[in-house]
């Protein structure tokens, strides 16, 4: 009797669910093999794929063809990815794992300084004012929030097309339907797209900015854009692509589903197992003549009449066996298919990908675990570089760069999993004299505009430095042995009124401590 195996047991399912939960919380690397098994489970449980061989409106063959020819069938890939986001909780969770990983902590750097020419107070003031203006602009953009919204689209759909709505106080990016857009050109390392004007609904044209409305009217009046396409101005459009290896949309996790969609063998075994497990055979005893060997007492015609009557009232998975003599009902459940096909179907993932299993989910050491997380974060870091190119072009188009100095956005390579390590590295660099104070504040989530505002508020307005004096440590102790920050008295300066009050309070406190 062959040993019975379940294609996907509840124990295996719970183990795979825990693997995904551990990846989401940063406890373990992402287990791609567990994700594949859970995806197959979701497809079989939440869709009609085993009967229709379709995912949503498209057959598996059509989707596989779209994966091979994404340029001709990009809409199929986008619709399938959206459908999987709705029917497969684990497809949605893995996409969210990547889309919510990035922090987008940014710093505004100054470069190409003409130091010799910045030799007057007026020019230095101009640099400072322009720097404050750039920081204020990015505060208005609310870069971190806008980019996290874009990430929710760009990971499952690969491309984000947007239009900028802006005034003196507000900044908003409107997402466009990717079906009516396509990437047209690359300018200064940044993608530009065009809009198919005929694809805009007349009921929705009111939600578009004025330049799109005018282009829409010109097209329908036959005055311009006879080919039906319009490219929005570069400073008013937003286009990001997660997978930069090709220009056509290829949803990030859809590339992995190529193996998952190969369900033909699995489907046959799954259905075969179900049929065999559920099939029953009812044995009908045919009376025989005790005086004659194997001679039935009923004629063949009589047996046929009753057999047809019984068959008409029984389900398809129940059969009738007419046998002479005594017999028992037959069940095939204990002889179920013994092949664990689902587990076998995922073993070739890493061999096909040409990478080590240890790198993704097999390593138990801390080093392997850290490398696995960094491997996932590498996709986010690459997207950071694309964002930097876009916003640096934005700065140039807004004419913030001057002949004596220029500005650039730099996004720190930090994620929700390594932010403490990144913050510690910037702290150590700042403590050793390197100019990373702004980076340290950014790693803690503080934008430069708010950092500068808080510093002015605390020091110049609230004078908190007079009330909150650090305890004596190796970092607050001066070289001559005195404790804390240098005092006005040590520098030969008179105390302010607030300083006098603070000094008197400190003397009273020390007197009370000595008395007690």
Foldseek 3Di string as FASTA:
>chain_A
DDDADDLADPVNLVVLVVQLVCCLVLNFFRQVLSLLLLLLVLCVPQHPCLPPCAQPPGHLVVLLVCLVVVVVPVVVLLVSLVSCCVRRVSSVSVLCSLLAWDQQLKDKDKDLFPVVVCPDPVSVVVVVVLVLVVLVVVVQQVVRVQSSVVSSCCQSWQKWKWFWDDDPRHIDTHTDDCVQKFFDDADLNATWMKGQLVPDDPVCLVVDDPVSVVVNVCCVVVNDDVVRIGTPDLLTMHMAGLDPPDRGIDRNCVVVCSLSSPCPVVSVLVVQLVLQQQAKEAEDEFEADPVDPPHGPDDPVVVVVVLVVVVVPDDPRYHYHYDYDDDGMDHRNVVGDRDNVSSVSSPCSCVVVVDDSLQGGVPDDPVSRVSSVVVSLVSVVVSQVNVQSSVQVSCVVVPSADNNMGITMHGDSGTPNCLVVQLVVLVVCVLVPHPRPQVNCSSVVDRPSVVVVVVCCCCVPVNCCLVDWDDFDPSQADPVGDGTDDDCVNVVHDDDPSNVVSVVVVVVVVVVVVVD
